[in-house]
């Protein structure tokens, strides 16, 4: 889980859902570094007070009797709902500082 202070804005009016935002790296000391475009953010790892569970919901429509026809199976109502645990999140990455611009070293003319 990643927590950012502030807003992420796109140049277009499109949603950022499912889009590539940036690169996440870790220094040799374990400090998270997030690079978004021409900006760099340094963060820290924080243990959550209460862990989060990431789950997916599955609706079961299959019957136990395999003698049913396809039409009967199409007309069936859901038999039950299952929840599948995908992950348990115990830590998050927090980026509180303002982004710093990445500037290439340009030699000065003398």
N, C-alpha and C. Protein backbone atom coordinates (compact mmCIF):
# COMPACT_ATOMS: atom_id res chain seq x y z
N UNK A 1 0.85 -1.15 0.00
CA UNK A 1 0.00 0.00 0.00
C UNK A 1 0.91 1.23 0.00
N UNK A 2 0.53 2.20 -0.78
CA UNK A 2 1.31 3.44 -0.90
C UNK A 2 0.42 4.61 -0.50
N UNK A 3 0.94 5.49 0.35
CA UNK A 3 0.22 6.68 0.77
C UNK A 3 0.99 7.90 0.31
N UNK A 4 0.31 8.78 -0.42
CA UNK A 4 0.91 10.01 -0.91
C UNK A 4 0.19 11.19 -0.28
N UNK A 5 0.93 12.22 0.05
CA UNK A 5 0.33 13.46 0.54
C UNK A 5 0.13 14.37 -0.67
N UNK A 6 -1.09 14.78 -0.92
CA UNK A 6 -1.37 15.63 -2.07
C UNK A 6 -2.15 14.88 -3.13
N UNK A 7 -2.14 15.41 -4.34
CA UNK A 7 -2.92 14.86 -5.44
C UNK A 7 -2.01 14.50 -6.60
N UNK A 8 -2.40 13.46 -7.32
CA UNK A 8 -1.77 13.13 -8.59
C UNK A 8 -2.70 13.61 -9.69
N UNK A 9 -2.17 14.41 -10.61
CA UNK A 9 -2.99 14.92 -11.70
C UNK A 9 -2.39 14.51 -13.02
N UNK A 10 -3.25 14.17 -13.95
CA UNK A 10 -2.84 13.79 -15.29
C UNK A 10 -2.96 14.99 -16.21
N UNK A 11 -2.16 15.01 -17.25
CA UNK A 11 -2.26 16.11 -18.22
C UNK A 11 -3.56 16.02 -19.00
N UNK A 12 -4.01 14.80 -19.22
CA UNK A 12 -5.32 14.60 -19.83
C UNK A 12 -6.35 14.50 -18.71
N UNK A 13 -7.61 14.56 -19.07
CA UNK A 13 -8.67 14.46 -18.07
C UNK A 13 -9.07 13.01 -17.81
N UNK A 14 -8.20 12.06 -18.16
CA UNK A 14 -8.49 10.65 -17.97
C UNK A 14 -8.23 10.23 -16.53
N UNK A 15 -8.85 9.15 -16.14
CA UNK A 15 -8.62 8.58 -14.82
C UNK A 15 -7.26 7.89 -14.79
N UNK A 16 -6.62 7.86 -13.63
CA UNK A 16 -5.32 7.19 -13.48
C UNK A 16 -5.48 5.73 -13.09
N UNK A 17 -6.70 5.25 -12.96
CA UNK A 17 -6.95 3.87 -12.57
C UNK A 17 -6.34 2.89 -13.59
N UNK A 18 -5.48 2.02 -13.10
CA UNK A 18 -4.88 1.01 -13.97
C UNK A 18 -3.76 1.51 -14.85
N UNK A 19 -3.34 2.75 -14.70
CA UNK A 19 -2.30 3.33 -15.54
C UNK A 19 -0.95 3.29 -14.83
N UNK A 20 0.12 3.34 -15.61
CA UNK A 20 1.48 3.42 -15.08
C UNK A 20 1.69 4.81 -14.50
N UNK A 21 2.15 4.86 -13.25
CA UNK A 21 2.35 6.15 -12.60
C UNK A 21 3.82 6.47 -12.46
N UNK A 22 4.62 5.50 -12.04
CA UNK A 22 6.04 5.76 -11.85
C UNK A 22 6.79 4.51 -11.44
N UNK A 23 8.05 4.69 -11.06
CA UNK A 23 8.91 3.58 -10.65
C UNK A 23 9.14 3.63 -9.15
N UNK A 24 9.08 2.47 -8.52
CA UNK A 24 9.34 2.36 -7.09
C UNK A 24 10.64 1.59 -6.90
N UNK A 25 11.57 2.19 -6.19
CA UNK A 25 12.87 1.57 -5.90
C UNK A 25 13.14 1.67 -4.41
N UNK A 26 14.14 0.92 -3.96
CA UNK A 26 14.59 1.00 -2.57
C UNK A 26 16.09 1.22 -2.56
N UNK A 27 16.57 2.09 -1.65
CA UNK A 27 18.00 2.31 -1.51
C UNK A 27 18.62 1.11 -0.80
N UNK A 28 19.92 1.09 -0.69
CA UNK A 28 20.60 -0.01 0.00
C UNK A 28 20.22 -0.05 1.48
N UNK A 29 19.82 1.08 2.02
CA UNK A 29 19.39 1.16 3.43
C UNK A 29 17.91 0.83 3.60
N UNK A 30 17.20 0.56 2.52
CA UNK A 30 15.79 0.19 2.59
C UNK A 30 14.83 1.35 2.53
N UNK A 31 15.29 2.54 2.14
CA UNK A 31 14.41 3.71 2.03
C UNK A 31 13.69 3.66 0.67
N UNK A 32 12.34 3.71 0.67
CA UNK A 32 11.62 3.70 -0.61
C UNK A 32 11.80 5.00 -1.37
N UNK A 33 11.98 4.87 -2.69
CA UNK A 33 12.15 6.02 -3.58
C UNK A 33 11.14 5.86 -4.71
N UNK A 34 10.30 6.86 -4.90
CA UNK A 34 9.28 6.84 -5.95
C UNK A 34 9.63 7.90 -6.98
N UNK A 35 9.77 7.48 -8.24
CA UNK A 35 10.08 8.41 -9.33
C UNK A 35 8.85 8.52 -10.22
N UNK A 36 8.30 9.73 -10.29
CA UNK A 36 7.12 10.01 -11.12
C UNK A 36 7.52 11.09 -12.11
N UNK A 37 7.65 10.72 -13.36
CA UNK A 37 8.06 11.68 -14.39
C UNK A 37 9.43 12.23 -14.10
N UNK A 38 9.53 13.55 -13.93
CA UNK A 38 10.80 14.21 -13.63
C UNK A 38 10.91 14.60 -12.16
N UNK A 39 10.17 13.88 -11.31
CA UNK A 39 10.17 14.17 -9.88
C UNK A 39 10.53 12.92 -9.08
N UNK A 40 11.17 13.13 -7.93
CA UNK A 40 11.58 12.04 -7.06
C UNK A 40 11.04 12.29 -5.65
N UNK A 41 10.53 11.24 -5.03
CA UNK A 41 10.00 11.33 -3.66
C UNK A 41 10.69 10.27 -2.80
N UNK A 42 11.06 10.67 -1.59
CA UNK A 42 11.65 9.75 -0.63
C UNK A 42 10.61 9.49 0.46
N UNK A 43 10.48 8.23 0.86
CA UNK A 43 9.47 7.89 1.85
C UNK A 43 10.02 7.03 2.96
N UNK A 44 9.09 6.42 3.70
CA UNK A 44 9.48 5.52 4.77
C UNK A 44 8.46 4.39 4.84
N UNK A 45 8.89 3.28 5.46
CA UNK A 45 8.03 2.11 5.62
C UNK A 45 7.39 2.18 7.01
N UNK A 46 6.06 2.06 7.06
CA UNK A 46 5.32 2.14 8.31
C UNK A 46 4.51 0.86 8.49
N UNK A 47 4.56 0.27 9.69
CA UNK A 47 3.75 -0.90 10.00
C UNK A 47 2.35 -0.44 10.38
N UNK A 48 1.34 -1.06 9.77
CA UNK A 48 -0.05 -0.69 10.04
C UNK A 48 -0.47 -1.16 11.43
N UNK A 49 -1.30 -0.37 12.09
CA UNK A 49 -1.81 -0.74 13.41
C UNK A 49 -2.69 -1.98 13.31
N UNK A 50 -3.56 -2.00 12.30
CA UNK A 50 -4.40 -3.17 12.02
C UNK A 50 -4.18 -3.56 10.56
N UNK A 51 -3.87 -4.81 10.29
CA UNK A 51 -3.63 -5.22 8.90
C UNK A 51 -4.91 -5.15 8.07
N UNK A 52 -4.73 -4.94 6.76
CA UNK A 52 -5.83 -4.96 5.80
C UNK A 52 -5.83 -6.30 5.08
N UNK A 53 -7.01 -6.77 4.71
CA UNK A 53 -7.14 -7.99 3.93
C UNK A 53 -7.69 -7.61 2.56
N UNK A 54 -7.03 -8.08 1.50
CA UNK A 54 -7.50 -7.86 0.14
C UNK A 54 -8.22 -9.14 -0.28
N UNK A 55 -9.51 -8.99 -0.64
CA UNK A 55 -10.32 -10.17 -0.95
C UNK A 55 -11.03 -9.98 -2.29
N UNK A 56 -11.41 -11.11 -2.89
CA UNK A 56 -12.25 -11.06 -4.09
C UNK A 56 -13.52 -11.86 -3.81
N UNK A 57 -14.61 -11.40 -4.40
CA UNK A 57 -15.91 -12.02 -4.16
C UNK A 57 -16.26 -12.94 -5.33
N UNK A 58 -16.62 -14.17 -5.04
CA UNK A 58 -17.01 -15.14 -6.06
C UNK A 58 -18.44 -15.59 -5.78
N UNK A 59 -19.31 -15.50 -6.79
CA UNK A 59 -20.69 -15.95 -6.66
C UNK A 59 -20.78 -17.35 -7.27
N UNK A 60 -21.21 -18.32 -6.46
CA UNK A 60 -21.32 -19.70 -6.92
C UNK A 60 -22.69 -19.94 -7.53
N UNK A 61 -22.72 -20.42 -8.78
CA UNK A 61 -23.99 -20.78 -9.42
C UNK A 61 -24.01 -22.25 -9.76
N UNK A 62 -22.93 -22.97 -9.49
CA UNK A 62 -22.87 -24.40 -9.81
C UNK A 62 -23.67 -25.19 -8.79
N UNK A 63 -24.36 -26.19 -9.31
CA UNK A 63 -25.12 -27.08 -8.44
C UNK A 63 -24.30 -28.33 -8.17
N UNK A 64 -24.65 -29.02 -7.12
CA UNK A 64 -23.95 -30.25 -6.78
C UNK A 64 -24.32 -31.40 -7.70
N UNK A 65 -25.51 -31.37 -8.28
CA UNK A 65 -25.98 -32.43 -9.16
C UNK A 65 -25.49 -32.17 -10.58
N UNK A 66 -24.72 -33.08 -11.14
CA UNK A 66 -24.15 -32.89 -12.47
C UNK A 66 -25.09 -33.32 -13.57
N UNK A 67 -26.32 -33.75 -13.26
CA UNK A 67 -27.28 -34.23 -14.25
C UNK A 67 -28.11 -33.10 -14.85
N UNK A 68 -27.89 -31.87 -14.46
CA UNK A 68 -28.70 -30.76 -14.95
C UNK A 68 -28.26 -30.36 -16.36
N UNK A 69 -29.22 -29.86 -17.13
CA UNK A 69 -28.91 -29.42 -18.49
C UNK A 69 -28.38 -27.99 -18.45
N UNK A 70 -27.87 -27.52 -19.61
CA UNK A 70 -27.35 -26.16 -19.70
C UNK A 70 -28.43 -25.12 -19.43
N UNK A 71 -29.66 -25.40 -19.92
CA UNK A 71 -30.75 -24.44 -19.70
C UNK A 71 -31.08 -24.32 -18.22
N UNK A 72 -31.05 -25.44 -17.51
CA UNK A 72 -31.34 -25.40 -16.09
C UNK A 72 -30.25 -24.64 -15.34
N UNK A 73 -29.01 -24.79 -15.78
CA UNK A 73 -27.91 -24.10 -15.12
C UNK A 73 -27.98 -22.60 -15.37
N UNK A 74 -28.43 -22.19 -16.59
CA UNK A 74 -28.57 -20.76 -16.89
C UNK A 74 -29.66 -20.12 -16.04
N UNK A 75 -30.69 -20.87 -15.70
CA UNK A 75 -31.82 -20.32 -14.95
C UNK A 75 -31.58 -20.35 -13.44
N UNK A 76 -30.45 -20.91 -13.01
CA UNK A 76 -30.20 -21.04 -11.58
C UNK A 76 -29.94 -19.70 -10.93
N UNK A 77 -30.32 -19.62 -9.70
CA UNK A 77 -29.99 -18.47 -8.88
C UNK A 77 -28.68 -18.78 -8.16
N UNK A 78 -27.97 -17.75 -7.70
CA UNK A 78 -26.71 -18.01 -6.99
C UNK A 78 -26.92 -18.93 -5.80
N UNK A 79 -26.04 -19.93 -5.67
CA UNK A 79 -26.12 -20.90 -4.58
C UNK A 79 -25.41 -20.39 -3.33
N UNK A 80 -24.49 -19.44 -3.51
CA UNK A 80 -23.76 -18.93 -2.36
C UNK A 80 -22.68 -17.96 -2.81
N UNK A 81 -22.05 -17.33 -1.85
CA UNK A 81 -20.99 -16.37 -2.14
C UNK A 81 -19.76 -16.80 -1.36
N UNK A 82 -18.63 -16.86 -2.06
CA UNK A 82 -17.34 -17.17 -1.44
C UNK A 82 -16.45 -15.95 -1.52
N UNK A 83 -15.62 -15.77 -0.51
CA UNK A 83 -14.63 -14.71 -0.51
C UNK A 83 -13.25 -15.35 -0.48
N UNK A 84 -12.42 -14.97 -1.43
CA UNK A 84 -11.07 -15.50 -1.54
C UNK A 84 -10.08 -14.44 -1.07
N UNK A 85 -9.25 -14.78 -0.08
CA UNK A 85 -8.24 -13.85 0.42
C UNK A 85 -7.08 -13.82 -0.56
N UNK A 86 -6.80 -12.65 -1.13
CA UNK A 86 -5.71 -12.48 -2.10
C UNK A 86 -4.42 -12.06 -1.41
N UNK A 87 -4.50 -11.21 -0.39
CA UNK A 87 -3.30 -10.71 0.28
C UNK A 87 -3.66 -10.15 1.65
N UNK A 88 -2.65 -10.06 2.50
CA UNK A 88 -2.77 -9.39 3.79
C UNK A 88 -1.71 -8.30 3.80
N UNK A 89 -2.15 -7.05 3.97
CA UNK A 89 -1.25 -5.89 3.94
C UNK A 89 -0.91 -5.51 5.38
N UNK A 90 0.37 -5.61 5.72
CA UNK A 90 0.80 -5.30 7.08
C UNK A 90 1.62 -4.01 7.16
N UNK A 91 2.17 -3.57 6.02
CA UNK A 91 3.00 -2.36 5.99
C UNK A 91 2.57 -1.47 4.84
N UNK A 92 2.87 -0.18 4.97
CA UNK A 92 2.59 0.75 3.89
C UNK A 92 3.79 1.65 3.69
N UNK A 93 3.89 2.20 2.50
CA UNK A 93 4.94 3.15 2.16
C UNK A 93 4.32 4.54 2.21
N UNK A 94 4.91 5.43 3.01
CA UNK A 94 4.38 6.79 3.19
C UNK A 94 5.36 7.77 2.57
N UNK A 95 4.85 8.61 1.66
CA UNK A 95 5.63 9.67 1.03
C UNK A 95 5.02 11.00 1.45
N UNK A 96 5.63 11.66 2.45
CA UNK A 96 5.09 12.91 3.00
C UNK A 96 5.74 14.15 2.41
N UNK A 97 6.97 14.03 1.96
CA UNK A 97 7.70 15.21 1.51
C UNK A 97 7.25 15.63 0.12
N UNK A 98 7.53 16.88 -0.19
CA UNK A 98 7.21 17.40 -1.53
C UNK A 98 8.15 16.77 -2.55
N UNK A 99 7.69 16.55 -3.76
CA UNK A 99 8.57 15.97 -4.78
C UNK A 99 9.70 16.93 -5.15
N UNK A 100 10.87 16.37 -5.38
CA UNK A 100 12.02 17.17 -5.79
C UNK A 100 12.24 16.94 -7.28
N UNK A 101 12.53 17.98 -8.04
CA UNK A 101 12.75 17.80 -9.49
C UNK A 101 14.09 17.08 -9.72
N UNK A 102 14.09 16.24 -10.73
CA UNK A 102 15.32 15.56 -11.15
C UNK A 102 15.95 16.44 -12.21
N UNK A 103 17.14 16.94 -11.93
CA UNK A 103 17.84 17.82 -12.87
C UNK A 103 19.12 17.15 -13.26
N UNK A 104 19.34 17.03 -14.56
CA UNK A 104 20.60 16.45 -15.06
C UNK A 104 21.72 17.45 -14.85
N UNK A 105 22.91 16.94 -14.59
CA UNK A 105 24.08 17.79 -14.42
C UNK A 105 24.50 18.35 -15.77
N UNK A 106 24.43 19.64 -15.90
CA UNK A 106 24.83 20.31 -17.14
C UNK A 106 26.13 21.05 -16.86
N UNK A 107 27.18 20.74 -17.62
CA UNK A 107 28.45 21.43 -17.36
C UNK A 107 28.31 22.94 -17.62
N UNK A 108 28.92 23.72 -16.72
CA UNK A 108 28.88 25.17 -16.86
C UNK A 108 29.96 25.62 -17.85
N UNK A 109 29.61 26.60 -18.66
CA UNK A 109 30.58 27.15 -19.59
C UNK A 109 31.36 28.23 -18.89
N UNK A 110 32.65 28.20 -19.05
CA UNK A 110 33.50 29.21 -18.41
C UNK A 110 34.07 30.12 -19.47
